[in-house]
């Protein structure tokens, strides 16, 4: 910090994750337009995807894993018992190509 390296590193990390977020959002727009809505993930490494009310994302986890993709069902993040039609996706770890392919595979499941 004293050497002045922190601020440039923060800028690099923000740019890096901003690009990954853009990749995820573009893939969601391609595969989920009209089928879901999602958060822009401003300030974090996750986005919440909200599907139609009749979808229970917890029931889709096994099928998703069998299709080579995973997600976190969103229901446990809602203290009021709602959110069973949501899922939490991250863009932190995977490459852009894997993000795009993962969203495609998840769209096949949903």
PDB file of N, CA and C in Angstrom:
ATOM      1  N   UNK A   1       0.840  -1.187   0.000  1.00  0.00           N
ATOM      2  CA  UNK A   1       0.000   0.000   0.000  1.00  0.00           C
ATOM      3  C   UNK A   1       0.877   1.241   0.000  1.00  0.00           C
ATOM      4  N   UNK A   2       1.927   1.222   0.833  1.00  0.00           N
ATOM      5  CA  UNK A   2       2.815   2.380   0.929  1.00  0.00           C
ATOM      6  C   UNK A   2       3.514   2.654  -0.394  1.00  0.00           C
ATOM      7  N   UNK A   3       3.736   1.630  -1.197  1.00  0.00           N
ATOM      8  CA  UNK A   3       4.415   1.797  -2.483  1.00  0.00           C
ATOM      9  C   UNK A   3       3.476   2.295  -3.575  1.00  0.00           C
ATOM     10  N   UNK A   4       2.186   2.411  -3.264  1.00  0.00           N
ATOM     11  CA  UNK A   4       1.236   2.924  -4.256  1.00  0.00           C
ATOM     12  C   UNK A   4       0.753   1.878  -5.242  1.00  0.00           C
ATOM     13  N   UNK A   5       0.900   0.610  -4.902  1.00  0.00           N
ATOM     14  CA  UNK A   5       0.519  -0.458  -5.835  1.00  0.00           C
ATOM     15  C   UNK A   5      -0.928  -0.911  -5.695  1.00  0.00           C
ATOM     16  N   UNK A   6      -1.573  -0.561  -4.611  1.00  0.00           N
ATOM     17  CA  UNK A   6      -2.927  -1.049  -4.381  1.00  0.00           C
ATOM     18  C   UNK A   6      -3.934  -0.465  -5.370  1.00  0.00           C
ATOM     19  N   UNK A   7      -3.942   0.823  -5.560  1.00  0.00           N
ATOM     20  CA  UNK A   7      -4.932   1.454  -6.449  1.00  0.00           C
ATOM     21  C   UNK A   7      -4.846   0.920  -7.878  1.00  0.00           C
ATOM     22  N   UNK A   8      -3.642   0.794  -8.477  1.00  0.00           N
ATOM     23  CA  UNK A   8      -3.580   0.220  -9.825  1.00  0.00           C
ATOM     24  C   UNK A   8      -4.054  -1.243  -9.869  1.00  0.00           C
ATOM     25  N   UNK A   9      -3.764  -1.997  -8.803  1.00  0.00           N
ATOM     26  CA  UNK A   9      -4.219  -3.399  -8.763  1.00  0.00           C
ATOM     27  C   UNK A   9      -5.734  -3.473  -8.685  1.00  0.00           C
ATOM     28  N   UNK A  10      -6.329  -2.627  -7.886  1.00  0.00           N
ATOM     29  CA  UNK A  10      -7.792  -2.593  -7.796  1.00  0.00           C
ATOM     30  C   UNK A  10      -8.389  -2.260  -9.156  1.00  0.00           C
ATOM     31  N   UNK A  11      -7.805  -1.321  -9.863  1.00  0.00           N
ATOM     32  CA  UNK A  11      -8.301  -0.962 -11.203  1.00  0.00           C
ATOM     33  C   UNK A  11      -8.197  -2.152 -12.156  1.00  0.00           C
ATOM     34  N   UNK A  12      -7.090  -2.887 -12.120  1.00  0.00           N
ATOM     35  CA  UNK A  12      -6.928  -4.071 -12.986  1.00  0.00           C
ATOM     36  C   UNK A  12      -7.962  -5.143 -12.658  1.00  0.00           C
ATOM     37  N   UNK A  13      -8.157  -5.392 -11.372  1.00  0.00           N
ATOM     38  CA  UNK A  13      -9.117  -6.416 -10.958  1.00  0.00           C
ATOM     39  C   UNK A  13     -10.535  -6.016 -11.359  1.00  0.00           C
ATOM     40  N   UNK A  14     -10.868  -4.768 -11.161  1.00  0.00           N
ATOM     41  CA  UNK A  14     -12.207  -4.303 -11.568  1.00  0.00           C
ATOM     42  C   UNK A  14     -12.419  -4.479 -13.061  1.00  0.00           C
ATOM     43  N   UNK A  15     -11.438  -4.100 -13.866  1.00  0.00           N
ATOM     44  CA  UNK A  15     -11.554  -4.268 -15.321  1.00  0.00           C
ATOM     45  C   UNK A  15     -11.703  -5.740 -15.695  1.00  0.00           C
ATOM     46  N   UNK A  16     -10.908  -6.592 -15.051  1.00  0.00           N
ATOM     47  CA  UNK A  16     -10.950  -8.030 -15.318  1.00  0.00           C
ATOM     48  C   UNK A  16     -12.349  -8.589 -15.051  1.00  0.00           C
ATOM     49  N   UNK A  17     -12.875  -8.323 -13.869  1.00  0.00           N
ATOM     50  CA  UNK A  17     -14.192  -8.857 -13.516  1.00  0.00           C
ATOM     51  C   UNK A  17     -15.327  -8.154 -14.242  1.00  0.00           C
ATOM     52  N   UNK A  18     -15.144  -6.907 -14.603  1.00  0.00           N
ATOM     53  CA  UNK A  18     -16.154  -6.205 -15.411  1.00  0.00           C
ATOM     54  C   UNK A  18     -16.320  -6.918 -16.762  1.00  0.00           C
ATOM     55  N   UNK A  19     -15.202  -7.350 -17.338  1.00  0.00           N
ATOM     56  CA  UNK A  19     -15.262  -8.090 -18.602  1.00  0.00           C
ATOM     57  C   UNK A  19     -15.947  -9.436 -18.453  1.00  0.00           C
ATOM     58  N   UNK A  20     -15.656 -10.144 -17.380  1.00  0.00           N
ATOM     59  CA  UNK A  20     -16.293 -11.440 -17.135  1.00  0.00           C
ATOM     60  C   UNK A  20     -17.794 -11.262 -16.895  1.00  0.00           C
ATOM     61  N   UNK A  21     -18.147 -10.209 -16.163  1.00  0.00           N
ATOM     62  CA  UNK A  21     -19.566  -9.925 -15.937  1.00  0.00           C
ATOM     63  C   UNK A  21     -20.254  -9.661 -17.269  1.00  0.00           C
ATOM     64  N   UNK A  22     -19.613  -8.886 -18.134  1.00  0.00           N
ATOM     65  CA  UNK A  22     -20.198  -8.588 -19.450  1.00  0.00           C
ATOM     66  C   UNK A  22     -20.409  -9.863 -20.254  1.00  0.00           C
ATOM     67  N   UNK A  23     -19.474 -10.797 -20.148  1.00  0.00           N
ATOM     68  CA  UNK A  23     -19.613 -12.080 -20.840  1.00  0.00           C
ATOM     69  C   UNK A  23     -20.838 -12.830 -20.330  1.00  0.00           C
ATOM     70  N   UNK A  24     -21.003 -12.884 -19.008  1.00  0.00           N
ATOM     71  CA  UNK A  24     -22.154 -13.574 -18.436  1.00  0.00           C
ATOM     72  C   UNK A  24     -23.457 -12.901 -18.847  1.00  0.00           C
ATOM     73  N   UNK A  25     -23.520 -11.601 -18.750  1.00  0.00           N
ATOM     74  CA  UNK A  25     -24.749 -10.879 -19.098  1.00  0.00           C
ATOM     75  C   UNK A  25     -25.093 -11.077 -20.576  1.00  0.00           C
ATOM     76  N   UNK A  26     -24.096 -11.026 -21.447  1.00  0.00           N
ATOM     77  CA  UNK A  26     -24.344 -11.243 -22.876  1.00  0.00           C
ATOM     78  C   UNK A  26     -24.868 -12.657 -23.133  1.00  0.00           C
ATOM     79  N   UNK A  27     -24.314 -13.635 -22.434  1.00  0.00           N
ATOM     80  CA  UNK A  27     -24.788 -15.012 -22.598  1.00  0.00           C
ATOM     81  C   UNK A  27     -26.219 -15.163 -22.085  1.00  0.00           C
ATOM     82  N   UNK A  28     -26.523 -14.514 -20.974  1.00  0.00           N
ATOM     83  CA  UNK A  28     -27.896 -14.546 -20.472  1.00  0.00           C
ATOM     84  C   UNK A  28     -28.845 -13.892 -21.462  1.00  0.00           C
ATOM     85  N   UNK A  29     -28.448 -12.762 -22.026  1.00  0.00           N
ATOM     86  CA  UNK A  29     -29.291 -12.099 -23.024  1.00  0.00           C
ATOM     87  C   UNK A  29     -29.539 -13.000 -24.220  1.00  0.00           C
ATOM     88  N   UNK A  30     -28.536 -13.743 -24.612  1.00  0.00           N
ATOM     89  CA  UNK A  30     -28.671 -14.621 -25.788  1.00  0.00           C
ATOM     90  C   UNK A  30     -29.599 -15.797 -25.496  1.00  0.00           C
ATOM     91  N   UNK A  31     -29.466 -16.413 -24.318  1.00  0.00           N
ATOM     92  CA  UNK A  31     -30.178 -17.662 -24.046  1.00  0.00           C
ATOM     93  C   UNK A  31     -31.433 -17.512 -23.180  1.00  0.00           C
ATOM     94  N   UNK A  32     -31.586 -16.382 -22.518  1.00  0.00           N
ATOM     95  CA  UNK A  32     -32.704 -16.230 -21.597  1.00  0.00           C
ATOM     96  C   UNK A  32     -33.607 -15.037 -21.893  1.00  0.00           C
ATOM     97  N   UNK A  33     -33.367 -14.311 -22.953  1.00  0.00           N
ATOM     98  CA  UNK A  33     -34.214 -13.165 -23.286  1.00  0.00           C
ATOM     99  C   UNK A  33     -35.663 -13.624 -23.380  1.00  0.00           C
ATOM    100  N   UNK A  34     -36.536 -12.963 -22.636  1.00  0.00           N
ATOM    101  CA  UNK A  34     -37.949 -13.318 -22.627  1.00  0.00           C
ATOM    102  C   UNK A  34     -38.284 -14.488 -21.717  1.00  0.00           C
ATOM    103  N   UNK A  35     -37.279 -15.170 -21.193  1.00  0.00           N
ATOM    104  CA  UNK A  35     -37.499 -16.335 -20.317  1.00  0.00           C
ATOM    105  C   UNK A  35     -37.149 -16.038 -18.870  1.00  0.00           C
ATOM    106  N   UNK A  36     -36.393 -14.963 -18.642  1.00  0.00           N
ATOM    107  CA  UNK A  36     -35.916 -14.655 -17.296  1.00  0.00           C
ATOM    108  C   UNK A  36     -35.478 -13.201 -17.237  1.00  0.00           C
ATOM    109  N   UNK A  37     -35.266 -12.742 -16.010  1.00  0.00           N
ATOM    110  CA  UNK A  37     -34.636 -11.445 -15.772  1.00  0.00           C
ATOM    111  C   UNK A  37     -33.480 -11.698 -14.815  1.00  0.00           C
ATOM    112  N   UNK A  38     -32.526 -10.769 -14.761  1.00  0.00           N
ATOM    113  CA  UNK A  38     -31.350 -10.958 -13.925  1.00  0.00           C
ATOM    114  C   UNK A  38     -30.834  -9.626 -13.436  1.00  0.00           C
ATOM    115  N   UNK A  39     -30.056  -9.719 -12.356  1.00  0.00           N
ATOM    116  CA  UNK A  39     -29.421  -8.521 -11.814  1.00  0.00           C
ATOM    117  C   UNK A  39     -28.167  -8.224 -12.617  1.00  0.00           C
ATOM    118  N   UNK A  40     -27.701  -7.000 -12.529  1.00  0.00           N
ATOM    119  CA  UNK A  40     -26.505  -6.608 -13.283  1.00  0.00           C
ATOM    120  C   UNK A  40     -25.216  -6.932 -12.541  1.00  0.00           C
ATOM    121  N   UNK A  41     -25.314  -7.480 -11.334  1.00  0.00           N
ATOM    122  CA  UNK A  41     -24.140  -7.843 -10.535  1.00  0.00           C
ATOM    123  C   UNK A  41     -23.226  -6.652 -10.302  1.00  0.00           C
ATOM    124  N   UNK A  42     -23.815  -5.522 -10.019  1.00  0.00           N
ATOM    125  CA  UNK A  42     -22.990  -4.355  -9.728  1.00  0.00           C
ATOM    126  C   UNK A  42     -22.535  -4.449  -8.273  1.00  0.00           C
ATOM    127  N   UNK A  43     -21.252  -4.574  -8.081  1.00  0.00           N
ATOM    128  CA  UNK A  43     -20.705  -4.637  -6.740  1.00  0.00           C
ATOM    129  C   UNK A  43     -20.460  -6.029  -6.213  1.00  0.00           C
ATOM    130  N   UNK A  44     -20.548  -7.030  -7.028  1.00  0.00           N
ATOM    131  CA  UNK A  44     -20.321  -8.393  -6.562  1.00  0.00           C
ATOM    132  C   UNK A  44     -19.903  -9.298  -7.699  1.00  0.00           C
ATOM    133  N   UNK A  45     -19.704 -10.556  -7.378  1.00  0.00           N
ATOM    134  CA  UNK A  45     -19.257 -11.535  -8.362  1.00  0.00           C
ATOM    135  C   UNK A  45     -20.356 -12.524  -8.732  1.00  0.00           C
ATOM    136  N   UNK A  46     -21.593 -12.174  -8.401  1.00  0.00           N
ATOM    137  CA  UNK A  46     -22.732 -13.041  -8.669  1.00  0.00           C
ATOM    138  C   UNK A  46     -23.858 -12.240  -9.297  1.00  0.00           C
ATOM    139  N   UNK A  47     -24.692 -12.945 -10.054  1.00  0.00           N
ATOM    140  CA  UNK A  47     -25.944 -12.372 -10.521  1.00  0.00           C
ATOM    141  C   UNK A  47     -27.067 -13.318 -10.129  1.00  0.00           C
ATOM    142  N   UNK A  48     -28.221 -12.759  -9.822  1.00  0.00           N
ATOM    143  CA  UNK A  48     -29.405 -13.556  -9.564  1.00  0.00           C
ATOM    144  C   UNK A  48     -30.247 -13.573 -10.830  1.00  0.00           C
ATOM    145  N   UNK A  49     -30.648 -14.761 -11.241  1.00  0.00           N
ATOM    146  CA  UNK A  49     -31.522 -14.944 -12.384  1.00  0.00           C
ATOM    147  C   UNK A  49     -32.889 -15.339 -11.838  1.00  0.00           C
ATOM    148  N   UNK A  50     -33.918 -14.643 -12.282  1.00  0.00           N
ATOM    149  CA  UNK A  50     -35.279 -14.950 -11.858  1.00  0.00           C
ATOM    150  C   UNK A  50     -36.041 -15.508 -13.041  1.00  0.00           C
ATOM    151  N   UNK A  51     -36.516 -16.737 -12.877  1.00  0.00           N
ATOM    152  CA  UNK A  51     -37.278 -17.425 -13.917  1.00  0.00           C
ATOM    153  C   UNK A  51     -38.772 -17.225 -13.660  1.00  0.00           C
ATOM    154  N   UNK A  52     -39.594 -17.810 -14.500  1.00  0.00           N
ATOM    155  CA  UNK A  52     -41.039 -17.719 -14.311  1.00  0.00           C
ATOM    156  C   UNK A  52     -41.425 -18.306 -12.951  1.00  0.00           C
ATOM    157  N   UNK A  53     -42.533 -17.843 -12.419  1.00  0.00           N
ATOM    158  CA  UNK A  53     -42.965 -18.219 -11.068  1.00  0.00           C
ATOM    159  C   UNK A  53     -43.141 -19.725 -10.875  1.00  0.00           C
ATOM    160  N   UNK A  54     -43.460 -20.449 -11.921  1.00  0.00           N
ATOM    161  CA  UNK A  54     -43.733 -21.878 -11.772  1.00  0.00           C
ATOM    162  C   UNK A  54     -42.478 -22.750 -11.781  1.00  0.00           C
ATOM    163  N   UNK A  55     -41.301 -22.140 -11.885  1.00  0.00           N
ATOM    164  CA  UNK A  55     -40.048 -22.897 -11.910  1.00  0.00           C
ATOM    165  C   UNK A  55     -39.471 -22.957 -10.507  1.00  0.00           C
ATOM    166  N   UNK A  56     -39.114 -24.173 -10.071  1.00  0.00           N
ATOM    167  CA  UNK A  56     -38.426 -24.368  -8.800  1.00  0.00           C
ATOM    168  C   UNK A  56     -36.981 -24.759  -9.134  1.00  0.00           C
ATOM    169  N   UNK A  57     -36.060 -23.814  -8.979  1.00  0.00           N
ATOM    170  CA  UNK A  57     -34.683 -24.066  -9.409  1.00  0.00           C
ATOM    171  C   UNK A  57     -34.015 -25.186  -8.615  1.00  0.00           C
ATOM    172  N   UNK A  58     -34.417 -25.397  -7.362  1.00  0.00           N
ATOM    173  CA  UNK A  58     -33.812 -26.486  -6.577  1.00  0.00           C
ATOM    174  C   UNK A  58     -34.059 -27.831  -7.243  1.00  0.00           C
ATOM    175  N   UNK A  59     -35.176 -27.971  -7.916  1.00  0.00           N
ATOM    176  CA  UNK A  59     -35.492 -29.237  -8.581  1.00  0.00           C
ATOM    177  C   UNK A  59     -34.668 -29.441  -9.860  1.00  0.00           C
ATOM    178  N   UNK A  60     -33.955 -28.414 -10.297  1.00  0.00           N
ATOM    179  CA  UNK A  60     -33.173 -28.505 -11.536  1.00  0.00           C
ATOM    180  C   UNK A  60     -31.690 -28.777 -11.306  1.00  0.00           C
ATOM    181  N   UNK A  61     -31.248 -28.770 -10.058  1.00  0.00           N
ATOM    182  CA  UNK A  61     -29.817 -28.887  -9.769  1.00  0.00           C
ATOM    183  C   UNK A  61     -29.233 -30.186 -10.299  1.00  0.00           C
ATOM    184  N   UNK A  62     -29.854 -31.323  -9.998  1.00  0.00           N
ATOM    185  CA  UNK A  62     -29.316 -32.612 -10.443  1.00  0.00           C
ATOM    186  C   UNK A  62     -29.241 -32.699 -11.960  1.00  0.00           C
ATOM    187  N   UNK A  63     -30.276 -32.243 -12.627  1.00  0.00           N
ATOM    188  CA  UNK A  63     -30.290 -32.265 -14.089  1.00  0.00           C
ATOM    189  C   UNK A  63     -29.187 -31.359 -14.649  1.00  0.00           C
ATOM    190  N   UNK A  64     -28.975 -30.210 -14.023  1.00  0.00           N
ATOM    191  CA  UNK A  64     -27.920 -29.293 -14.461  1.00  0.00           C
ATOM    192  C   UNK A  64     -26.552 -29.943 -14.306  1.00  0.00           C
ATOM    193  N   UNK A  65     -26.300 -30.544 -13.157  1.00  0.00           N
ATOM    194  CA  UNK A  65     -25.013 -31.199 -12.917  1.00  0.00           C
ATOM    195  C   UNK A  65     -24.802 -32.329 -13.916  1.00  0.00           C
ATOM    196  N   UNK A  66     -25.846 -33.078 -14.213  1.00  0.00           N
ATOM    197  CA  UNK A  66     -25.743 -34.141 -15.226  1.00  0.00           C
ATOM    198  C   UNK A  66     -25.422 -33.571 -16.599  1.00  0.00           C
ATOM    199  N   UNK A  67     -25.782 -32.299 -16.813  1.00  0.00           N
ATOM    200  CA  UNK A  67     -25.497 -31.623 -18.085  1.00  0.00           C
ATOM    201  C   UNK A  67     -24.179 -30.850 -18.023  1.00  0.00           C
ATOM    202  N   UNK A  68     -23.416 -31.039 -16.950  1.00  0.00           N
ATOM    203  CA  UNK A  68     -22.083 -30.447 -16.866  1.00  0.00           C
ATOM    204  C   UNK A  68     -22.021 -29.007 -16.423  1.00  0.00           C
ATOM    205  N   UNK A  69     -23.043 -28.560 -15.705  1.00  0.00           N
ATOM    206  CA  UNK A  69     -23.064 -27.172 -15.226  1.00  0.00           C
ATOM    207  C   UNK A  69     -23.706 -27.155 -13.837  1.00  0.00           C
ATOM    208  N   UNK A  70     -23.324 -26.179 -13.040  1.00  0.00           N
ATOM    209  CA  UNK A  70     -23.889 -26.080 -11.696  1.00  0.00           C
ATOM    210  C   UNK A  70     -24.290 -24.644 -11.404  1.00  0.00           C
ATOM    211  N   UNK A  71     -25.209 -24.499 -10.465  1.00  0.00           N
ATOM    212  CA  UNK A  71     -25.645 -23.194 -10.003  1.00  0.00           C
ATOM    213  C   UNK A  71     -26.130 -23.345  -8.574  1.00  0.00           C
ATOM    214  N   UNK A  72     -26.340 -22.238  -7.916  1.00  0.00           N
ATOM    215  CA  UNK A  72     -26.872 -22.236  -6.565  1.00  0.00           C
ATOM    216  C   UNK A  72     -28.340 -21.816  -6.632  1.00  0.00           C
ATOM    217  N   UNK A  73     -29.270 -22.663  -6.166  1.00  0.00           N
ATOM    218  CA  UNK A  73     -30.662 -22.226  -6.112  1.00  0.00           C
ATOM    219  C   UNK A  73     -30.778 -20.984  -5.229  1.00  0.00           C
ATOM    220  N   UNK A  74     -31.601 -20.044  -5.629  1.00  0.00           N
ATOM    221  CA  UNK A  74     -31.681 -18.771  -4.926  1.00  0.00           C
ATOM    222  C   UNK A  74     -32.557 -18.754  -3.700  1.00  0.00           C
ATOM    223  N   UNK A  75     -33.447 -19.725  -3.549  1.00  0.00           N
ATOM    224  CA  UNK A  75     -34.386 -19.721  -2.444  1.00  0.00           C
ATOM    225  C   UNK A  75     -33.776 -19.479  -1.070  1.00  0.00           C
ATOM    226  N   UNK A  76     -32.683 -20.138  -0.704  1.00  0.00           N
ATOM    227  CA  UNK A  76     -32.114 -19.937   0.631  1.00  0.00           C
ATOM    228  C   UNK A  76     -31.638 -18.502   0.910  1.00  0.00           C
ATOM    229  N   UNK A  77     -31.498 -17.686  -0.110  1.00  0.00           N
ATOM    230  CA  UNK A  77     -31.065 -16.306   0.080  1.00  0.00           C
ATOM    231  C   UNK A  77     -32.228 -15.368   0.419  1.00  0.00           C
ATOM    232  N   UNK A  78     -33.443 -15.881   0.420  1.00  0.00           N
ATOM    233  CA  UNK A  78     -34.630 -15.081   0.691  1.00  0.00           C
ATOM    234  C   UNK A  78     -35.208 -15.495   2.039  1.00  0.00           C
ATOM    235  N   UNK A  79     -35.186 -14.593   2.997  1.00  0.00           N
ATOM    236  CA  UNK A  79     -35.646 -14.928   4.344  1.00  0.00           C
ATOM    237  C   UNK A  79     -37.161 -15.078   4.433  1.00  0.00           C
ATOM    238  N   UNK A  80     -37.881 -14.583   3.440  1.00  0.00           N
ATOM    239  CA  UNK A  80     -39.338 -14.643   3.497  1.00  0.00           C
ATOM    240  C   UNK A  80     -39.918 -15.877   2.814  1.00  0.00           C
ATOM    241  N   UNK A  81     -39.065 -16.811   2.381  1.00  0.00           N
ATOM    242  CA  UNK A  81     -39.546 -18.030   1.755  1.00  0.00           C
ATOM    243  C   UNK A  81     -39.774 -17.916   0.251  1.00  0.00           C
ATOM    244  N   UNK A  82     -39.600 -16.741  -0.307  1.00  0.00           N
ATOM    245  CA  UNK A  82     -39.752 -16.585  -1.760  1.00  0.00           C
ATOM    246  C   UNK A  82     -38.426 -16.943  -2.442  1.00  0.00           C
ATOM    247  N   UNK A  83     -38.342 -16.702  -3.707  1.00  0.00           N
ATOM    248  CA  UNK A  83     -37.100 -16.888  -4.440  1.00  0.00           C
ATOM    249  C   UNK A  83     -36.843 -18.288  -4.941  1.00  0.00           C
ATOM    250  N   UNK A  84     -37.835 -19.179  -4.832  1.00  0.00           N
ATOM    251  CA  UNK A  84     -37.608 -20.540  -5.300  1.00  0.00           C
ATOM    252  C   UNK A  84     -37.433 -20.625  -6.813  1.00  0.00           C
ATOM    253  N   UNK A  85     -37.795 -19.559  -7.516  1.00  0.00           N
ATOM    254  CA  UNK A  85     -37.639 -19.508  -8.966  1.00  0.00           C
ATOM    255  C   UNK A  85     -36.386 -18.721  -9.375  1.00  0.00           C
ATOM    256  N   UNK A  86     -35.443 -18.592  -8.445  1.00  0.00           N
ATOM    257  CA  UNK A  86     -34.219 -17.850  -8.748  1.00  0.00           C
ATOM    258  C   UNK A  86     -33.000 -18.755  -8.657  1.00  0.00           C
ATOM    259  N   UNK A  87     -31.935 -18.311  -9.279  1.00  0.00           N
ATOM    260  CA  UNK A  87     -30.660 -19.011  -9.166  1.00  0.00           C
ATOM    261  C   UNK A  87     -29.534 -17.995  -9.132  1.00  0.00           C
ATOM    262  N   UNK A  88     -28.491 -18.356  -8.450  1.00  0.00           N
ATOM    263  CA  UNK A  88     -27.336 -17.478  -8.272  1.00  0.00           C
ATOM    264  C   UNK A  88     -26.212 -18.015  -9.150  1.00  0.00           C
ATOM    265  N   UNK A  89     -25.709 -17.165 -10.020  1.00  0.00           N
ATOM    266  CA  UNK A  89     -24.620 -17.539 -10.926  1.00  0.00           C
ATOM    267  C   UNK A  89     -23.409 -16.669 -10.650  1.00  0.00           C
ATOM    268  N   UNK A  90     -22.241 -17.256 -10.727  1.00  0.00           N
ATOM    269  CA  UNK A  90     -21.009 -16.491 -10.567  1.00  0.00           C
ATOM    270  C   UNK A  90     -20.242 -16.437 -11.881  1.00  0.00           C
ATOM    271  N   UNK A  91     -19.454 -15.413 -12.008  1.00  0.00           N
ATOM    272  CA  UNK A  91     -18.571 -15.277 -13.171  1.00  0.00           C
ATOM    273  C   UNK A  91     -17.128 -15.152 -12.723  1.00  0.00           C
ATOM    274  N   UNK A  92     -16.845 -15.433 -11.472  1.00  0.00           N
ATOM    275  CA  UNK A  92     -15.528 -15.167 -10.899  1.00  0.00           C
ATOM    276  C   UNK A  92     -14.446 -16.125 -11.381  1.00  0.00           C
ATOM    277  N   UNK A  93     -14.739 -17.397 -11.464  1.00  0.00           N
ATOM    278  CA  UNK A  93     -13.693 -18.403 -11.629  1.00  0.00           C
ATOM    279  C   UNK A  93     -13.459 -18.844 -13.075  1.00  0.00           C
ATOM    280  N   UNK A  94     -14.488 -18.974 -13.837  1.00  0.00           N
ATOM    281  CA  UNK A  94     -14.381 -19.605 -15.147  1.00  0.00           C
ATOM    282  C   UNK A  94     -13.927 -18.642 -16.247  1.00  0.00           C
ATOM    283  N   UNK A  95     -13.383 -19.226 -17.297  1.00  0.00           N
ATOM    284  CA  UNK A  95     -12.987 -18.450 -18.474  1.00  0.00           C
ATOM    285  C   UNK A  95     -14.236 -17.957 -19.197  1.00  0.00           C
ATOM    286  N   UNK A  96     -14.060 -16.994 -20.062  1.00  0.00           N
ATOM    287  CA  UNK A  96     -15.198 -16.487 -20.833  1.00  0.00           C
ATOM    288  C   UNK A  96     -15.863 -17.606 -21.629  1.00  0.00           C
ATOM    289  N   UNK A  97     -15.070 -18.459 -22.245  1.00  0.00           N
ATOM    290  CA  UNK A  97     -15.625 -19.552 -23.049  1.00  0.00           C
ATOM    291  C   UNK A  97     -16.456 -20.503 -22.183  1.00  0.00           C
ATOM    292  N   UNK A  98     -15.986 -20.790 -20.989  1.00  0.00           N
ATOM    293  CA  UNK A  98     -16.728 -21.684 -20.087  1.00  0.00           C
ATOM    294  C   UNK A  98     -17.982 -21.003 -19.553  1.00  0.00           C
ATOM    295  N   UNK A  99     -17.939 -19.709 -19.345  1.00  0.00           N
ATOM    296  CA  UNK A  99     -19.145 -18.975 -18.914  1.00  0.00           C
ATOM    297  C   UNK A  99     -20.213 -19.091 -20.000  1.00  0.00           C
ATOM    298  N   UNK A 100     -19.831 -18.819 -21.231  1.00  0.00           N
ATOM    299  CA  UNK A 100     -20.781 -18.878 -22.352  1.00  0.00           C
ATOM    300  C   UNK A 100     -21.350 -20.283 -22.500  1.00  0.00           C
ATOM    301  N   UNK A 101     -20.494 -21.290 -22.458  1.00  0.00           N
ATOM    302  CA  UNK A 101     -20.949 -22.672 -22.588  1.00  0.00           C
ATOM    303  C   UNK A 101     -21.814 -23.078 -21.404  1.00  0.00           C
ATOM    304  N   UNK A 102     -21.457 -22.654 -20.203  1.00  0.00           N
ATOM    305  CA  UNK A 102     -22.253 -22.981 -19.030  1.00  0.00           C
ATOM    306  C   UNK A 102     -23.651 -22.396 -19.089  1.00  0.00           C
ATOM    307  N   UNK A 103     -23.768 -21.170 -19.526  1.00  0.00           N
ATOM    308  CA  UNK A 103     -25.079 -20.544 -19.655  1.00  0.00           C
ATOM    309  C   UNK A 103     -25.899 -21.271 -20.724  1.00  0.00           C
ATOM    310  N   UNK A 104     -25.261 -21.672 -21.803  1.00  0.00           N
ATOM    311  CA  UNK A 104     -25.970 -22.447 -22.847  1.00  0.00           C
ATOM    312  C   UNK A 104     -26.495 -23.760 -22.290  1.00  0.00           C
ATOM    313  N   UNK A 105     -25.628 -24.473 -21.561  1.00  0.00           N
ATOM    314  CA  UNK A 105     -26.040 -25.760 -20.985  1.00  0.00           C
ATOM    315  C   UNK A 105     -27.152 -25.565 -19.966  1.00  0.00           C
ATOM    316  N   UNK A 106     -27.046 -24.532 -19.181  1.00  0.00           N
ATOM    317  CA  UNK A 106     -28.087 -24.270 -18.189  1.00  0.00           C
ATOM    318  C   UNK A 106     -29.409 -23.924 -18.867  1.00  0.00           C
ATOM    319  N   UNK A 107     -29.352 -23.205 -19.966  1.00  0.00           N
ATOM    320  CA  UNK A 107     -30.571 -22.888 -20.718  1.00  0.00           C
ATOM    321  C   UNK A 107     -31.222 -24.160 -21.240  1.00  0.00           C
ATOM    322  N   UNK A 108     -30.412 -25.133 -21.640  1.00  0.00           N
ATOM    323  CA  UNK A 108     -30.965 -26.426 -22.092  1.00  0.00           C
ATOM    324  C   UNK A 108     -31.723 -27.119 -20.957  1.00  0.00           C
ATOM    325  N   UNK A 109     -31.205 -27.009 -19.749  1.00  0.00           N
ATOM    326  CA  UNK A 109     -31.831 -27.632 -18.588  1.00  0.00           C
ATOM    327  C   UNK A 109     -33.138 -26.938 -18.238  1.00  0.00           C
ATOM    328  N   UNK A 110     -33.102 -25.605 -18.255  1.00  0.00           N
ATOM    329  CA  UNK A 110     -34.292 -24.842 -17.866  1.00  0.00           C
ATOM    330  C   UNK A 110     -35.343 -24.920 -18.956  1.00  0.00           C
TER     331      UNK A 110
END
